[in-house]
N, C-alpha and C. Protein backbone atom coordinates (compact mmCIF):
# COMPACT_ATOMS: atom_id res chain seq x y z
N MET A 1 0.84 -1.23 -0.15
CA MET A 1 0.19 0.00 -0.06
C MET A 1 0.58 1.16 0.10
N GLU A 2 0.56 2.43 -0.62
CA GLU A 2 1.20 3.36 -1.00
C GLU A 2 1.02 4.59 0.05
N PRO A 3 2.04 5.01 0.48
CA PRO A 3 1.64 6.13 1.42
C PRO A 3 0.86 6.87 1.43
N ALA A 4 -0.35 7.33 1.86
CA ALA A 4 -1.20 8.53 1.42
C ALA A 4 -0.18 10.17 1.83
N SER A 5 -0.82 10.74 0.81
CA SER A 5 -0.44 12.15 0.44
C SER A 5 -1.57 13.22 1.25
N VAL A 6 -0.76 14.01 1.82
CA VAL A 6 -1.84 14.83 2.59
C VAL A 6 -0.73 16.22 2.41
N THR A 7 -1.34 17.53 1.39
CA THR A 7 -1.51 18.51 1.52
C THR A 7 -2.05 19.46 2.63
N VAL A 8 -0.93 20.44 3.02
CA VAL A 8 -0.98 20.93 4.67
C VAL A 8 -0.76 22.55 4.45
N THR A 9 -0.72 22.97 4.85
CA THR A 9 -0.05 24.40 4.98
C THR A 9 0.34 25.23 6.38
N ILE A 10 1.96 25.50 6.46
CA ILE A 10 2.15 25.38 7.20
C ILE A 10 2.79 27.34 7.34
N TYR A 11 2.62 28.33 8.13
CA TYR A 11 2.96 29.73 7.99
C TYR A 11 3.00 29.86 6.82
N GLY A 12 2.23 30.06 6.16
CA GLY A 12 1.81 30.33 4.77
C GLY A 12 2.31 29.76 3.55
N SER A 13 3.21 28.79 4.07
CA SER A 13 3.60 27.96 2.84
C SER A 13 2.76 26.49 2.55
N GLU A 14 2.36 25.68 1.23
CA GLU A 14 2.06 24.50 1.45
C GLU A 14 3.06 23.39 1.39
N TYR A 15 2.84 22.35 2.14
CA TYR A 15 3.71 21.09 2.08
C TYR A 15 2.70 19.82 1.53
N THR A 16 3.53 19.54 0.87
CA THR A 16 2.55 17.95 0.65
C THR A 16 3.50 16.67 1.78
N LEU A 17 2.76 16.16 2.39
CA LEU A 17 3.28 15.18 3.51
C LEU A 17 2.85 13.65 3.04
N LYS A 18 3.62 12.69 3.02
CA LYS A 18 3.22 11.11 2.84
C LYS A 18 3.87 10.53 4.00
N GLY A 19 2.65 9.64 4.21
CA GLY A 19 3.24 8.77 5.11
C GLY A 19 2.09 8.21 5.38
N ASP A 20 1.78 7.19 6.54
CA ASP A 20 1.26 5.72 6.94
C ASP A 20 -0.02 6.23 7.82
N ALA A 21 0.44 7.94 8.44
CA ALA A 21 -0.58 8.24 9.37
C ALA A 21 -1.82 9.03 8.57
N ASP A 22 -3.15 8.37 9.69
CA ASP A 22 -4.50 8.83 9.16
C ASP A 22 -3.76 10.41 9.02
N PRO A 23 -4.55 10.55 7.66
CA PRO A 23 -4.15 12.15 6.87
C PRO A 23 -5.20 13.15 7.78
N GLU A 24 -6.18 12.89 8.67
CA GLU A 24 -6.62 13.95 9.57
C GLU A 24 -5.92 14.61 11.01
N TYR A 25 -5.17 13.17 10.94
CA TYR A 25 -4.15 13.13 11.93
C TYR A 25 -2.70 14.05 11.87
N VAL A 26 -2.57 13.88 10.23
CA VAL A 26 -1.65 14.81 9.42
C VAL A 26 -1.89 16.50 9.59
N ARG A 27 -3.33 16.52 9.27
CA ARG A 27 -3.66 18.10 9.35
C ARG A 27 -3.56 18.26 10.53
N GLU A 28 -4.07 17.97 11.64
CA GLU A 28 -4.09 18.25 13.07
C GLU A 28 -2.54 18.61 13.44
N VAL A 29 -1.43 17.59 12.62
CA VAL A 29 -0.57 18.19 13.84
C VAL A 29 0.64 19.41 12.91
N ALA A 30 -0.17 18.96 11.17
CA ALA A 30 0.15 20.17 10.89
C ALA A 30 -0.69 22.05 11.09
N ARG A 31 -1.95 21.37 11.74
CA ARG A 31 -2.31 22.75 12.42
C ARG A 31 -1.61 23.49 13.64
N PHE A 32 -1.19 22.34 14.53
CA PHE A 32 -0.25 22.24 15.76
C PHE A 32 0.91 23.56 15.31
N VAL A 33 1.41 22.91 14.70
CA VAL A 33 2.86 23.39 13.85
C VAL A 33 2.64 25.10 13.89
N ASP A 34 1.49 25.09 13.12
CA ASP A 34 1.79 26.28 12.12
C ASP A 34 0.64 27.62 13.37
N GLU A 35 0.11 27.01 14.04
CA GLU A 35 -0.55 27.84 15.53
C GLU A 35 1.10 27.93 16.41
N ARG A 36 1.83 27.24 16.75
CA ARG A 36 3.17 27.55 17.39
C ARG A 36 3.76 28.30 16.52
N MET A 37 3.92 27.99 15.27
CA MET A 37 4.76 29.26 14.58
C MET A 37 3.78 30.69 14.26
N GLN A 38 3.21 30.65 14.20
CA GLN A 38 1.97 32.05 14.31
C GLN A 38 2.42 32.73 15.79
N GLU A 39 2.02 31.91 16.96
CA GLU A 39 2.05 31.73 17.87
C GLU A 39 3.68 32.93 17.94
N VAL A 40 4.79 32.29 17.88
CA VAL A 40 6.31 32.75 17.90
C VAL A 40 6.36 33.94 17.35
N ALA A 41 5.67 33.89 15.98
CA ALA A 41 5.76 35.10 14.95
C ALA A 41 5.29 36.27 15.87
N GLY A 42 3.99 36.20 16.64
CA GLY A 42 3.82 37.65 17.06
C GLY A 42 4.47 37.87 18.05
N LYS A 43 5.27 37.11 18.85
CA LYS A 43 5.86 37.39 19.89
C LYS A 43 7.23 37.70 19.53
N VAL A 44 8.52 37.73 17.92
CA VAL A 44 8.92 38.23 17.73
C VAL A 44 8.96 39.28 16.74
N SER A 45 9.90 40.44 17.06
CA SER A 45 9.88 41.24 15.57
C SER A 45 10.86 41.34 14.32
N ALA A 46 9.73 41.18 13.64
CA ALA A 46 10.71 40.95 12.03
C ALA A 46 11.52 39.83 12.44
N ALA A 47 10.98 38.78 12.05
CA ALA A 47 11.94 37.19 12.40
C ALA A 47 11.65 36.76 11.12
N ALA A 48 12.51 36.06 10.52
CA ALA A 48 13.34 35.58 9.86
C ALA A 48 12.31 34.21 9.60
N LEU A 49 11.96 33.30 8.70
CA LEU A 49 11.43 32.41 8.32
C LEU A 49 11.78 31.10 9.66
N GLY A 50 13.60 31.08 9.34
CA GLY A 50 13.91 30.24 10.28
C GLY A 50 14.07 30.18 11.45
N LYS A 51 14.02 31.63 12.26
CA LYS A 51 14.17 31.68 13.35
C LYS A 51 12.44 31.23 13.85
N VAL A 52 11.57 31.32 13.25
CA VAL A 52 10.44 31.03 13.88
C VAL A 52 9.87 29.61 13.70
N ALA A 53 10.95 29.29 13.09
CA ALA A 53 10.69 27.38 13.05
C ALA A 53 11.75 27.13 14.00
N ILE A 54 12.57 27.64 14.46
CA ILE A 54 13.30 27.46 15.27
C ILE A 54 13.32 27.55 16.83
N LEU A 55 12.53 28.65 16.94
CA LEU A 55 11.76 28.53 18.18
C LEU A 55 10.24 28.28 18.37
N ALA A 56 9.76 27.69 17.41
CA ALA A 56 8.51 26.98 17.24
C ALA A 56 9.04 25.56 17.74
N ALA A 57 9.91 25.02 17.14
CA ALA A 57 10.36 23.78 17.34
C ALA A 57 10.86 23.70 18.82
N VAL A 58 11.41 24.63 19.35
CA VAL A 58 12.11 24.35 20.72
C VAL A 58 11.18 24.80 21.84
N ASN A 59 9.77 25.29 21.34
CA ASN A 59 9.19 25.74 22.39
C ASN A 59 7.66 24.00 22.49
N ILE A 60 7.65 23.47 21.04
CA ILE A 60 7.34 22.56 20.81
C ILE A 60 7.75 21.46 21.37
N ALA A 61 9.33 21.40 21.61
CA ALA A 61 9.81 20.09 22.33
C ALA A 61 10.02 20.55 23.93
N ASP A 62 10.12 21.67 24.11
CA ASP A 62 9.91 22.08 25.66
C ASP A 62 8.46 21.76 26.43
N GLU A 63 7.27 21.67 25.63
CA GLU A 63 6.20 21.17 25.99
C GLU A 63 5.90 19.29 26.12
N LEU A 64 6.82 19.01 24.80
CA LEU A 64 7.26 17.03 24.30
C LEU A 64 7.79 16.71 25.85
N LEU A 65 8.97 17.29 26.01
CA LEU A 65 9.33 16.69 27.43
C LEU A 65 9.18 16.85 28.64
N ARG A 66 7.83 18.16 29.08
CA ARG A 66 7.71 18.38 30.08
C ARG A 66 6.71 17.00 30.24
N GLU A 67 5.45 16.86 29.34
CA GLU A 67 4.78 15.93 28.94
C GLU A 67 5.04 14.82 29.38
N LYS A 68 6.31 14.28 28.79
CA LYS A 68 6.67 12.89 29.25
C LYS A 68 7.49 12.93 30.81
N ARG A 69 8.15 14.05 31.35
CA ARG A 69 8.29 13.85 32.18
C ARG A 69 7.24 13.52 33.55
N LEU A 70 6.08 14.38 33.10
CA LEU A 70 4.86 14.46 33.80
C LEU A 70 4.58 12.81 34.01
N ARG A 71 4.40 12.15 32.51
CA ARG A 71 3.82 10.62 32.40
C ARG A 71 4.70 10.01 33.33
N LEU A 72 6.22 10.09 33.51
CA LEU A 72 7.15 9.00 33.95
C LEU A 72 6.56 9.37 35.50
N GLU A 73 6.41 10.78 35.90
CA GLU A 73 6.49 10.96 37.51
C GLU A 73 4.83 10.21 37.99
N THR A 74 3.87 10.34 37.20
CA THR A 74 2.71 9.28 37.05
C THR A 74 3.02 8.07 37.04
N GLU A 75 3.14 7.96 36.39
CA GLU A 75 3.55 6.35 36.47
C GLU A 75 4.25 5.54 37.41
N ALA A 76 5.67 6.59 38.06
CA ALA A 76 6.69 6.20 39.44
C ALA A 76 5.64 5.98 40.35
N ALA A 77 4.35 6.96 40.52
CA ALA A 77 3.83 7.39 41.93
C ALA A 77 2.27 5.84 41.79
N LEU A 78 2.26 6.20 40.53
CA LEU A 78 1.14 4.91 40.51
C LEU A 78 1.32 3.43 40.76
N GLU A 79 2.66 3.31 40.13
CA GLU A 79 3.35 1.92 40.62
C GLU A 79 3.63 1.69 42.30
N ASP A 80 3.84 3.04 42.85
CA ASP A 80 4.20 3.03 44.51
C ASP A 80 2.83 2.66 45.29
N ARG A 81 1.98 3.50 44.59
CA ARG A 81 0.66 2.60 44.64
C ARG A 81 0.26 1.94 45.00
N SER A 82 0.49 1.08 43.58
CA SER A 82 -0.32 -0.07 43.46
C SER A 82 0.24 -1.42 44.25
N ILE A 83 2.02 -0.93 44.62
CA ILE A 83 2.74 -1.84 45.91
C ILE A 83 2.17 -1.52 47.39
N GLN A 84 2.02 -0.13 47.07
CA GLN A 84 1.31 -0.47 48.93
C GLN A 84 -0.02 -0.93 48.82
N MET A 85 -0.88 -0.83 47.79
CA MET A 85 -1.91 -1.58 48.00
C MET A 85 -2.20 -2.34 47.97
N ALA A 86 -1.08 -3.35 47.46
CA ALA A 86 -0.82 -5.12 47.20
C ALA A 86 -0.86 -5.08 48.37
N ARG A 87 0.42 -4.53 49.41
CA ARG A 87 0.40 -4.82 50.73
C ARG A 87 -0.39 -4.69 51.89
N LEU A 88 -1.38 -3.87 51.02
CA LEU A 88 -2.25 -3.74 52.07
C LEU A 88 -3.36 -4.71 52.27
N LEU A 89 -3.61 -5.23 50.74
CA LEU A 89 -4.52 -6.21 51.01
C LEU A 89 -3.94 -7.76 51.22
N ASP A 90 -2.43 -8.02 50.97
CA ASP A 90 -1.53 -8.73 51.84
C ASP A 90 -2.18 -8.99 53.37
N ALA A 91 -1.83 -7.90 54.08
CA ALA A 91 -1.67 -7.64 55.41
C ALA A 91 -3.23 -8.05 55.64
N GLU A 92 -4.37 -7.25 54.93
CA GLU A 92 -6.03 -7.45 55.37
C GLU A 92 -6.01 -9.40 55.33
N MET A 93 -5.33 -9.87 54.32
CA MET A 93 -5.69 -11.41 54.13
C MET A 93 -4.50 -12.57 55.25
N GLY A 94 -3.75 -11.83 55.94
CA GLY A 94 -2.84 -12.27 56.78
C GLY A 94 -1.69 -12.58 56.21
N LEU A 95 -1.36 -12.24 55.19
CA LEU A 95 0.13 -12.72 54.69
C LEU A 95 0.60 -11.72 55.08
N SER A 96 1.88 -12.03 54.98
CA SER A 96 3.14 -11.39 54.93
C SER A 96 4.15 -11.36 54.17
N SER A 97 5.30 -10.78 53.76
CA SER A 97 6.35 -11.20 52.99
C SER A 97 7.02 -12.23 53.05
N ALA A 98 7.29 -12.78 54.26
CA ALA A 98 8.16 -13.81 54.65
C ALA A 98 7.27 -15.10 54.24
N GLU A 99 5.84 -15.45 54.74
CA GLU A 99 5.00 -15.98 53.92
C GLU A 99 4.57 -16.47 52.53
N ASP A 100 4.42 -14.96 51.79
CA ASP A 100 4.85 -15.05 50.32
C ASP A 100 5.77 -16.21 49.82
N GLU A 101 7.68 -15.75 50.31
CA GLU A 101 8.23 -16.29 49.88
C GLU A 101 8.37 -17.89 50.08
N CYS A 102 7.97 -17.96 51.35
CA CYS A 102 7.78 -19.68 51.48
C CYS A 102 6.52 -20.47 50.75
N ASP A 103 5.72 -19.94 50.01
CA ASP A 103 4.79 -19.96 49.24
C ASP A 103 5.14 -20.36 48.06
N ASN A 104 6.07 -19.39 47.54
CA ASN A 104 6.92 -19.08 46.23
C ASN A 104 7.78 -20.47 46.06
N ALA A 105 8.49 -20.99 46.94
CA ALA A 105 9.71 -21.43 47.52
C ALA A 105 9.66 -23.22 46.88
N LEU A 106 10.41 -23.57 46.08
CA LEU A 106 10.20 -24.99 45.39
C LEU A 106 10.37 -25.91 46.32
N PRO A 107 9.61 -26.89 46.26
CA PRO A 107 10.17 -27.88 47.65
C PRO A 107 11.48 -28.38 47.45
N GLY A 108 11.95 -28.45 48.49
CA GLY A 108 13.77 -28.82 48.37
C GLY A 108 14.83 -27.35 47.95
N THR A 109 14.29 -26.34 48.18
CA THR A 109 15.27 -25.23 48.50
C THR A 109 15.42 -24.69 49.00
């Protein structure tokens, strides 16, 4: 299957992008990049296209890295909470870590 072509407009220029992604998703990504470039251009006086693109890319990368960090912190917190909950359940059921280890040991070990 040949990759789909999608024509998008980013910062006043048209680009034809090819790929396996859903065309509507590609348009959404292009709109996001265009919005960021327009936002940056509004804050920088008489900026060249390259400067606007680089500043927009830095802003997008910053947002991406912040979201990744937040996701990792959330995953770690959820893992800690699930361990705490498992321990509480074990305690309520009368199990202890030592009993768990004995139950999981193979005979003769």
